């Protein structure tokens, strides 16, 4: 009897270990815990679009600057923290949320996205139903950025399989307006782009499209809205 009972326990243990390994594999793949080969646009014969603007006159076009700024934030890996910051609204570099990736990317290109959003909210309050207005926080709310980019950015496809229409530096809103990120220069084996974002996850530049639902997709061309631009200072 003892041998039979031990055999059953051994089988149960093996079964539980198998289930655990499967769960770890699924979660690891979903949240990009395990290393995966990264591709670029060139691997799929896709030409990367360059912006006609170089707002900060650094010899690098705006889209490349957006990407560089987002990459810097990803490498810095700020802790996820949505604390309200008075006296300007900017969190310290070691803290941030998803929206902080965006204004930091714009800063790299020479834009003060905070002031651009705040100015527009004050000039057109009806266009921003979720705004206070409050310069310290409005530029850090996804809904306000969505309203801003609806007005001033180019709206693009939300079909992730149209891989040639996704470019580094594009802005993407996810999950019915609950999250925001920026398109990376990396792609998965299908050619689908990686997303640079901060949701508190380990990998900030990752294959996020497999678990995040694209809601809106933008490209900010500053040449189309020069009257609303504000330089970083």
C-alpha atoms as a PDB file:
ATOM      1  CA  UNK A   1       0.000   0.000   0.000  1.00  0.00           C
ATOM      2  CA  UNK A   2       2.821   2.386   0.886  1.00  0.00           C
ATOM      3  CA  UNK A   3       4.504   1.725  -2.458  1.00  0.00           C
ATOM      4  CA  UNK A   4       1.270   2.455  -4.338  1.00  0.00           C
ATOM      5  CA  UNK A   5       0.764   5.659  -2.380  1.00  0.00           C
ATOM      6  CA  UNK A   6       4.357   6.752  -3.040  1.00  0.00           C
ATOM      7  CA  UNK A   7       3.951   5.991  -6.739  1.00  0.00           C
ATOM      8  CA  UNK A   8       0.832   8.152  -6.858  1.00  0.00           C
ATOM      9  CA  UNK A   9       2.617  10.979  -5.063  1.00  0.00           C
ATOM     10  CA  UNK A  10       5.558  10.741  -7.459  1.00  0.00           C
ATOM     11  CA  UNK A  11       3.215  10.891 -10.446  1.00  0.00           C
ATOM     12  CA  UNK A  12       1.369  13.857  -8.958  1.00  0.00           C
ATOM     13  CA  UNK A  13       4.660  15.641  -8.322  1.00  0.00           C
ATOM     14  CA  UNK A  14       5.798  15.028 -11.905  1.00  0.00           C
ATOM     15  CA  UNK A  15       2.451  16.294 -13.192  1.00  0.00           C
ATOM     16  CA  UNK A  16       2.652  19.450 -11.068  1.00  0.00           C
ATOM     17  CA  UNK A  17       6.217  20.098 -12.187  1.00  0.00           C
ATOM     18  CA  UNK A  18       5.141  19.697 -15.802  1.00  0.00           C
ATOM     19  CA  UNK A  19       2.272  22.148 -15.350  1.00  0.00           C
ATOM     20  CA  UNK A  20       4.620  24.596 -13.625  1.00  0.00           C
ATOM     21  CA  UNK A  21       7.165  24.397 -16.450  1.00  0.00           C
ATOM     22  CA  UNK A  22       4.444  24.969 -19.051  1.00  0.00           C
ATOM     23  CA  UNK A  23       3.142  27.981 -17.096  1.00  0.00           C
ATOM     24  CA  UNK A  24       6.649  29.420 -16.794  1.00  0.00           C
ATOM     25  CA  UNK A  25       7.222  28.930 -20.521  1.00  0.00           C
ATOM     26  CA  UNK A  26       3.946  30.643 -21.448  1.00  0.00           C
ATOM     27  CA  UNK A  27       4.478  33.577 -19.094  1.00  0.00           C
ATOM     28  CA  UNK A  28       8.130  33.877 -20.077  1.00  0.00           C
ATOM     29  CA  UNK A  29       7.230  34.091 -23.746  1.00  0.00           C
ATOM     30  CA  UNK A  30       4.357  36.504 -23.127  1.00  0.00           C
ATOM     31  CA  UNK A  31       6.436  38.887 -21.032  1.00  0.00           C
ATOM     32  CA  UNK A  32       9.664  38.476 -23.037  1.00  0.00           C
ATOM     33  CA  UNK A  33      11.669  37.101 -20.128  1.00  0.00           C
ATOM     34  CA  UNK A  34      13.623  34.738 -22.352  1.00  0.00           C
ATOM     35  CA  UNK A  35      16.058  36.124 -24.955  1.00  0.00           C
ATOM     36  CA  UNK A  36      14.781  36.188 -28.545  1.00  0.00           C
ATOM     37  CA  UNK A  37      16.442  37.142 -31.796  1.00  0.00           C
ATOM     38  CA  UNK A  38      15.841  40.765 -32.741  1.00  0.00           C
ATOM     39  CA  UNK A  39      15.373  41.965 -36.290  1.00  0.00           C
ATOM     40  CA  UNK A  40      15.368  45.393 -37.921  1.00  0.00           C
ATOM     41  CA  UNK A  41      13.544  46.967 -40.855  1.00  0.00           C
ATOM     42  CA  UNK A  42      16.452  46.077 -43.133  1.00  0.00           C
ATOM     43  CA  UNK A  43      15.835  42.368 -42.528  1.00  0.00           C
ATOM     44  CA  UNK A  44      12.448  42.789 -44.221  1.00  0.00           C
ATOM     45  CA  UNK A  45      13.645  45.177 -46.962  1.00  0.00           C
ATOM     46  CA  UNK A  46      11.740  48.031 -45.328  1.00  0.00           C
ATOM     47  CA  UNK A  47      13.170  51.521 -45.749  1.00  0.00           C
ATOM     48  CA  UNK A  48      13.066  53.563 -42.550  1.00  0.00           C
ATOM     49  CA  UNK A  49      11.348  56.916 -43.037  1.00  0.00           C
ATOM     50  CA  UNK A  50      13.255  60.020 -41.975  1.00  0.00           C
ATOM     51  CA  UNK A  51      11.605  63.214 -40.796  1.00  0.00           C
ATOM     52  CA  UNK A  52      11.995  66.370 -42.845  1.00  0.00           C
ATOM     53  CA  UNK A  53      12.489  68.178 -39.524  1.00  0.00           C
ATOM     54  CA  UNK A  54      15.589  68.502 -37.378  1.00  0.00           C
ATOM     55  CA  UNK A  55      14.099  70.788 -34.777  1.00  0.00           C
ATOM     56  CA  UNK A  56      17.126  70.962 -32.489  1.00  0.00           C
ATOM     57  CA  UNK A  57      19.586  71.279 -35.398  1.00  0.00           C
ATOM     58  CA  UNK A  58      21.791  68.460 -34.155  1.00  0.00           C
ATOM     59  CA  UNK A  59      22.157  66.824 -37.561  1.00  0.00           C
ATOM     60  CA  UNK A  60      19.724  64.051 -36.613  1.00  0.00           C
ATOM     61  CA  UNK A  61      16.154  64.017 -37.911  1.00  0.00           C
ATOM     62  CA  UNK A  62      13.258  64.217 -35.459  1.00  0.00           C
ATOM     63  CA  UNK A  63      12.162  60.584 -35.751  1.00  0.00           C
ATOM     64  CA  UNK A  64      15.672  59.340 -35.023  1.00  0.00           C
ATOM     65  CA  UNK A  65      15.861  61.734 -32.077  1.00  0.00           C
ATOM     66  CA  UNK A  66      12.514  60.472 -30.741  1.00  0.00           C
ATOM     67  CA  UNK A  67      13.857  56.935 -30.915  1.00  0.00           C
ATOM     68  CA  UNK A  68      17.121  57.889 -29.221  1.00  0.00           C
ATOM     69  CA  UNK A  69      15.276  59.628 -26.388  1.00  0.00           C
ATOM     70  CA  UNK A  70      12.988  56.659 -25.811  1.00  0.00           C
ATOM     71  CA  UNK A  71      15.981  54.304 -25.910  1.00  0.00           C
ATOM     72  CA  UNK A  72      17.737  56.384 -23.265  1.00  0.00           C
ATOM     73  CA  UNK A  73      14.710  56.127 -21.004  1.00  0.00           C
ATOM     74  CA  UNK A  74      14.547  52.368 -21.545  1.00  0.00           C
ATOM     75  CA  UNK A  75      18.244  51.987 -20.741  1.00  0.00           C
ATOM     76  CA  UNK A  76      17.847  54.152 -17.634  1.00  0.00           C
ATOM     77  CA  UNK A  77      15.002  51.851 -16.537  1.00  0.00           C
ATOM     78  CA  UNK A  78      13.156  54.283 -14.235  1.00  0.00           C
ATOM     79  CA  UNK A  79      11.028  52.713 -11.523  1.00  0.00           C
ATOM     80  CA  UNK A  80       7.315  52.806 -12.307  1.00  0.00           C
ATOM     81  CA  UNK A  81       5.926  55.615 -10.172  1.00  0.00           C
ATOM     82  CA  UNK A  82       3.061  57.945 -11.072  1.00  0.00           C
ATOM     83  CA  UNK A  83       3.525  60.375  -8.190  1.00  0.00           C
ATOM     84  CA  UNK A  84       2.325  63.934  -8.776  1.00  0.00           C
ATOM     85  CA  UNK A  85       5.311  66.253  -9.089  1.00  0.00           C
ATOM     86  CA  UNK A  86       4.636  69.930  -8.274  1.00  0.00           C
ATOM     87  CA  UNK A  87       6.749  72.847  -9.477  1.00  0.00           C
ATOM     88  CA  UNK A  88       6.842  71.816 -13.117  1.00  0.00           C
ATOM     89  CA  UNK A  89       5.543  68.270 -13.149  1.00  0.00           C
ATOM     90  CA  UNK A  90       8.752  66.557 -14.238  1.00  0.00           C
ATOM     91  CA  UNK A  91       9.643  63.409 -12.291  1.00  0.00           C
ATOM     92  CA  UNK A  92      13.288  62.724 -11.520  1.00  0.00           C
ATOM     93  CA  UNK A  93      15.060  60.556 -14.076  1.00  0.00           C
ATOM     94  CA  UNK A  94      14.843  57.450 -11.888  1.00  0.00           C
ATOM     95  CA  UNK A  95      11.025  57.544 -11.831  1.00  0.00           C
ATOM     96  CA  UNK A  96       8.389  57.472 -14.534  1.00  0.00           C
ATOM     97  CA  UNK A  97       5.302  55.994 -16.153  1.00  0.00           C
ATOM     98  CA  UNK A  98       4.360  55.271 -19.757  1.00  0.00           C
ATOM     99  CA  UNK A  99       3.724  58.920 -20.648  1.00  0.00           C
ATOM    100  CA  UNK A 100       7.158  59.950 -19.394  1.00  0.00           C
ATOM    101  CA  UNK A 101       8.732  57.897 -22.175  1.00  0.00           C
ATOM    102  CA  UNK A 102       6.988  60.178 -24.681  1.00  0.00           C
ATOM    103  CA  UNK A 103       7.953  63.607 -23.359  1.00  0.00           C
ATOM    104  CA  UNK A 104      11.512  62.394 -22.761  1.00  0.00           C
ATOM    105  CA  UNK A 105      11.647  61.212 -26.370  1.00  0.00           C
ATOM    106  CA  UNK A 106      10.402  64.621 -27.532  1.00  0.00           C
ATOM    107  CA  UNK A 107      12.963  66.349 -25.312  1.00  0.00           C
ATOM    108  CA  UNK A 108      15.718  64.533 -27.197  1.00  0.00           C
ATOM    109  CA  UNK A 109      14.489  66.213 -30.390  1.00  0.00           C
ATOM    110  CA  UNK A 110      14.319  69.636 -28.745  1.00  0.00           C
ATOM    111  CA  UNK A 111      10.588  69.855 -28.014  1.00  0.00           C
ATOM    112  CA  UNK A 112       8.902  70.759 -24.742  1.00  0.00           C
ATOM    113  CA  UNK A 113       5.874  68.499 -25.020  1.00  0.00           C
ATOM    114  CA  UNK A 114       4.633  69.590 -21.598  1.00  0.00           C
ATOM    115  CA  UNK A 115       4.230  73.209 -22.714  1.00  0.00           C
ATOM    116  CA  UNK A 116       2.832  72.228 -26.107  1.00  0.00           C
ATOM    117  CA  UNK A 117       0.093  70.188 -24.464  1.00  0.00           C
ATOM    118  CA  UNK A 118      -0.570  72.756 -21.740  1.00  0.00           C
ATOM    119  CA  UNK A 119      -0.841  75.625 -24.233  1.00  0.00           C
ATOM    120  CA  UNK A 120      -3.315  73.699 -26.348  1.00  0.00           C
ATOM    121  CA  UNK A 121      -5.422  72.666 -23.359  1.00  0.00           C
ATOM    122  CA  UNK A 122      -5.715  76.281 -22.251  1.00  0.00           C
ATOM    123  CA  UNK A 123      -6.478  77.506 -25.776  1.00  0.00           C
ATOM    124  CA  UNK A 124      -8.958  74.725 -26.611  1.00  0.00           C
ATOM    125  CA  UNK A 125     -10.290  73.252 -23.342  1.00  0.00           C
ATOM    126  CA  UNK A 126     -13.254  71.591 -25.066  1.00  0.00           C
ATOM    127  CA  UNK A 127     -10.809  69.387 -27.005  1.00  0.00           C
ATOM    128  CA  UNK A 128      -9.507  67.898 -23.751  1.00  0.00           C
ATOM    129  CA  UNK A 129     -12.419  66.567 -21.688  1.00  0.00           C
ATOM    130  CA  UNK A 130     -10.126  64.880 -19.133  1.00  0.00           C
ATOM    131  CA  UNK A 131      -7.836  67.864 -18.536  1.00  0.00           C
ATOM    132  CA  UNK A 132      -7.795  69.965 -15.331  1.00  0.00           C
ATOM    133  CA  UNK A 133      -5.920  72.050 -16.641  1.00  0.00           C
ATOM    134  CA  UNK A 134      -2.763  71.537 -14.611  1.00  0.00           C
ATOM    135  CA  UNK A 135       0.663  71.946 -16.209  1.00  0.00           C
ATOM    136  CA  UNK A 136       2.156  69.602 -13.612  1.00  0.00           C
ATOM    137  CA  UNK A 137       0.188  66.536 -14.695  1.00  0.00           C
ATOM    138  CA  UNK A 138      -1.796  67.000 -17.916  1.00  0.00           C
ATOM    139  CA  UNK A 139       1.144  66.052 -20.166  1.00  0.00           C
ATOM    140  CA  UNK A 140       1.523  62.842 -18.159  1.00  0.00           C
ATOM    141  CA  UNK A 141      -2.005  61.585 -18.827  1.00  0.00           C
ATOM    142  CA  UNK A 142      -2.539  59.216 -21.741  1.00  0.00           C
ATOM    143  CA  UNK A 143      -5.970  60.659 -22.541  1.00  0.00           C
ATOM    144  CA  UNK A 144      -4.548  64.167 -22.969  1.00  0.00           C
ATOM    145  CA  UNK A 145      -1.687  62.967 -25.160  1.00  0.00           C
ATOM    146  CA  UNK A 146      -4.209  61.025 -27.225  1.00  0.00           C
ATOM    147  CA  UNK A 147      -6.317  64.174 -27.699  1.00  0.00           C
ATOM    148  CA  UNK A 148      -3.203  66.185 -28.582  1.00  0.00           C
ATOM    149  CA  UNK A 149      -1.927  63.694 -31.144  1.00  0.00           C
ATOM    150  CA  UNK A 150      -5.416  63.285 -32.597  1.00  0.00           C
ATOM    151  CA  UNK A 151      -5.194  66.968 -33.497  1.00  0.00           C
ATOM    152  CA  UNK A 152      -1.578  67.401 -34.510  1.00  0.00           C
ATOM    153  CA  UNK A 153      -0.105  64.039 -35.534  1.00  0.00           C
ATOM    154  CA  UNK A 154      -0.710  61.840 -38.554  1.00  0.00           C
ATOM    155  CA  UNK A 155      -3.013  58.921 -37.730  1.00  0.00           C
ATOM    156  CA  UNK A 156      -1.785  55.626 -39.156  1.00  0.00           C
ATOM    157  CA  UNK A 157      -2.828  51.985 -39.378  1.00  0.00           C
ATOM    158  CA  UNK A 158      -3.532  49.916 -36.280  1.00  0.00           C
ATOM    159  CA  UNK A 159      -2.986  46.666 -38.213  1.00  0.00           C
ATOM    160  CA  UNK A 160       0.228  45.216 -36.801  1.00  0.00           C
ATOM    161  CA  UNK A 161       0.636  42.942 -39.820  1.00  0.00           C
ATOM    162  CA  UNK A 162       1.139  45.892 -42.181  1.00  0.00           C
ATOM    163  CA  UNK A 163       4.733  45.877 -41.068  1.00  0.00           C
ATOM    164  CA  UNK A 164       5.972  48.408 -43.623  1.00  0.00           C
ATOM    165  CA  UNK A 165       3.724  51.104 -42.098  1.00  0.00           C
ATOM    166  CA  UNK A 166       5.339  51.039 -38.661  1.00  0.00           C
ATOM    167  CA  UNK A 167       8.436  53.200 -38.157  1.00  0.00           C
ATOM    168  CA  UNK A 168      10.836  53.946 -35.296  1.00  0.00           C
ATOM    169  CA  UNK A 169       9.663  57.015 -33.398  1.00  0.00           C
ATOM    170  CA  UNK A 170       5.955  56.427 -34.059  1.00  0.00           C
ATOM    171  CA  UNK A 171       3.649  56.799 -31.061  1.00  0.00           C
ATOM    172  CA  UNK A 172       1.174  54.063 -30.129  1.00  0.00           C
ATOM    173  CA  UNK A 173      -1.772  54.142 -27.723  1.00  0.00           C
ATOM    174  CA  UNK A 174      -2.877  50.767 -26.350  1.00  0.00           C
ATOM    175  CA  UNK A 175      -5.801  49.111 -24.624  1.00  0.00           C
ATOM    176  CA  UNK A 176      -8.544  51.660 -25.283  1.00  0.00           C
ATOM    177  CA  UNK A 177      -6.367  54.559 -24.177  1.00  0.00           C
ATOM    178  CA  UNK A 178      -4.915  53.026 -21.025  1.00  0.00           C
ATOM    179  CA  UNK A 179      -1.255  52.873 -22.109  1.00  0.00           C
ATOM    180  CA  UNK A 180       1.170  54.573 -24.493  1.00  0.00           C
ATOM    181  CA  UNK A 181       4.575  53.769 -25.959  1.00  0.00           C
ATOM    182  CA  UNK A 182       6.943  54.449 -28.838  1.00  0.00           C
ATOM    183  CA  UNK A 183       7.910  52.226 -31.754  1.00  0.00           C
ATOM    184  CA  UNK A 184      11.425  50.802 -31.499  1.00  0.00           C
ATOM    185  CA  UNK A 185      13.881  50.026 -34.279  1.00  0.00           C
ATOM    186  CA  UNK A 186      13.671  46.335 -33.334  1.00  0.00           C
ATOM    187  CA  UNK A 187      11.200  43.824 -34.785  1.00  0.00           C
ATOM    188  CA  UNK A 188      10.213  40.218 -34.154  1.00  0.00           C
ATOM    189  CA  UNK A 189      10.599  37.369 -36.637  1.00  0.00           C
ATOM    190  CA  UNK A 190       7.301  38.350 -38.280  1.00  0.00           C
ATOM    191  CA  UNK A 191       8.510  41.892 -38.856  1.00  0.00           C
ATOM    192  CA  UNK A 192       6.215  43.323 -36.194  1.00  0.00           C
ATOM    193  CA  UNK A 193       7.773  46.191 -34.286  1.00  0.00           C
ATOM    194  CA  UNK A 194       8.944  46.223 -30.702  1.00  0.00           C
ATOM    195  CA  UNK A 195       7.574  48.923 -28.393  1.00  0.00           C
ATOM    196  CA  UNK A 196       9.547  51.075 -25.964  1.00  0.00           C
ATOM    197  CA  UNK A 197       7.324  51.676 -22.957  1.00  0.00           C
ATOM    198  CA  UNK A 198       7.152  51.714 -19.177  1.00  0.00           C
ATOM    199  CA  UNK A 199       4.533  49.566 -17.530  1.00  0.00           C
ATOM    200  CA  UNK A 200       6.928  48.496 -14.793  1.00  0.00           C
ATOM    201  CA  UNK A 201       8.009  45.451 -16.834  1.00  0.00           C
ATOM    202  CA  UNK A 202      11.607  44.113 -16.842  1.00  0.00           C
ATOM    203  CA  UNK A 203      12.261  44.741 -20.553  1.00  0.00           C
ATOM    204  CA  UNK A 204      11.407  48.292 -21.593  1.00  0.00           C
ATOM    205  CA  UNK A 205      12.154  47.727 -25.309  1.00  0.00           C
ATOM    206  CA  UNK A 206      10.176  44.594 -26.094  1.00  0.00           C
ATOM    207  CA  UNK A 207       7.847  42.601 -28.334  1.00  0.00           C
ATOM    208  CA  UNK A 208       4.765  44.104 -26.707  1.00  0.00           C
ATOM    209  CA  UNK A 209       2.286  43.845 -29.592  1.00  0.00           C
ATOM    210  CA  UNK A 210       1.573  40.210 -28.730  1.00  0.00           C
ATOM    211  CA  UNK A 211      -0.098  41.226 -25.473  1.00  0.00           C
ATOM    212  CA  UNK A 212      -1.004  44.903 -25.902  1.00  0.00           C
ATOM    213  CA  UNK A 213      -3.980  45.787 -28.119  1.00  0.00           C
ATOM    214  CA  UNK A 214      -3.232  48.703 -30.446  1.00  0.00           C
ATOM    215  CA  UNK A 215      -5.815  51.463 -30.146  1.00  0.00           C
ATOM    216  CA  UNK A 216      -4.195  54.336 -32.072  1.00  0.00           C
ATOM    217  CA  UNK A 217      -0.986  54.825 -34.034  1.00  0.00           C
ATOM    218  CA  UNK A 218       0.556  58.228 -34.773  1.00  0.00           C
ATOM    219  CA  UNK A 219       3.517  59.865 -36.472  1.00  0.00           C
ATOM    220  CA  UNK A 220       4.364  63.380 -35.314  1.00  0.00           C
ATOM    221  CA  UNK A 221       5.455  65.524 -38.268  1.00  0.00           C
ATOM    222  CA  UNK A 222       6.307  68.918 -36.804  1.00  0.00           C
ATOM    223  CA  UNK A 223       6.376  70.532 -40.249  1.00  0.00           C
ATOM    224  CA  UNK A 224       2.566  70.265 -40.310  1.00  0.00           C
ATOM    225  CA  UNK A 225       1.966  72.163 -37.053  1.00  0.00           C
ATOM    226  CA  UNK A 226       4.799  74.660 -36.628  1.00  0.00           C
ATOM    227  CA  UNK A 227       2.609  77.210 -34.851  1.00  0.00           C
ATOM    228  CA  UNK A 228       2.173  75.013 -31.764  1.00  0.00           C
ATOM    229  CA  UNK A 229       5.807  74.003 -31.265  1.00  0.00           C
ATOM    230  CA  UNK A 230       7.710  74.931 -28.099  1.00  0.00           C
ATOM    231  CA  UNK A 231      11.444  74.465 -27.712  1.00  0.00           C
ATOM    232  CA  UNK A 232      12.959  72.643 -24.781  1.00  0.00           C
ATOM    233  CA  UNK A 233      14.673  75.035 -22.405  1.00  0.00           C
END
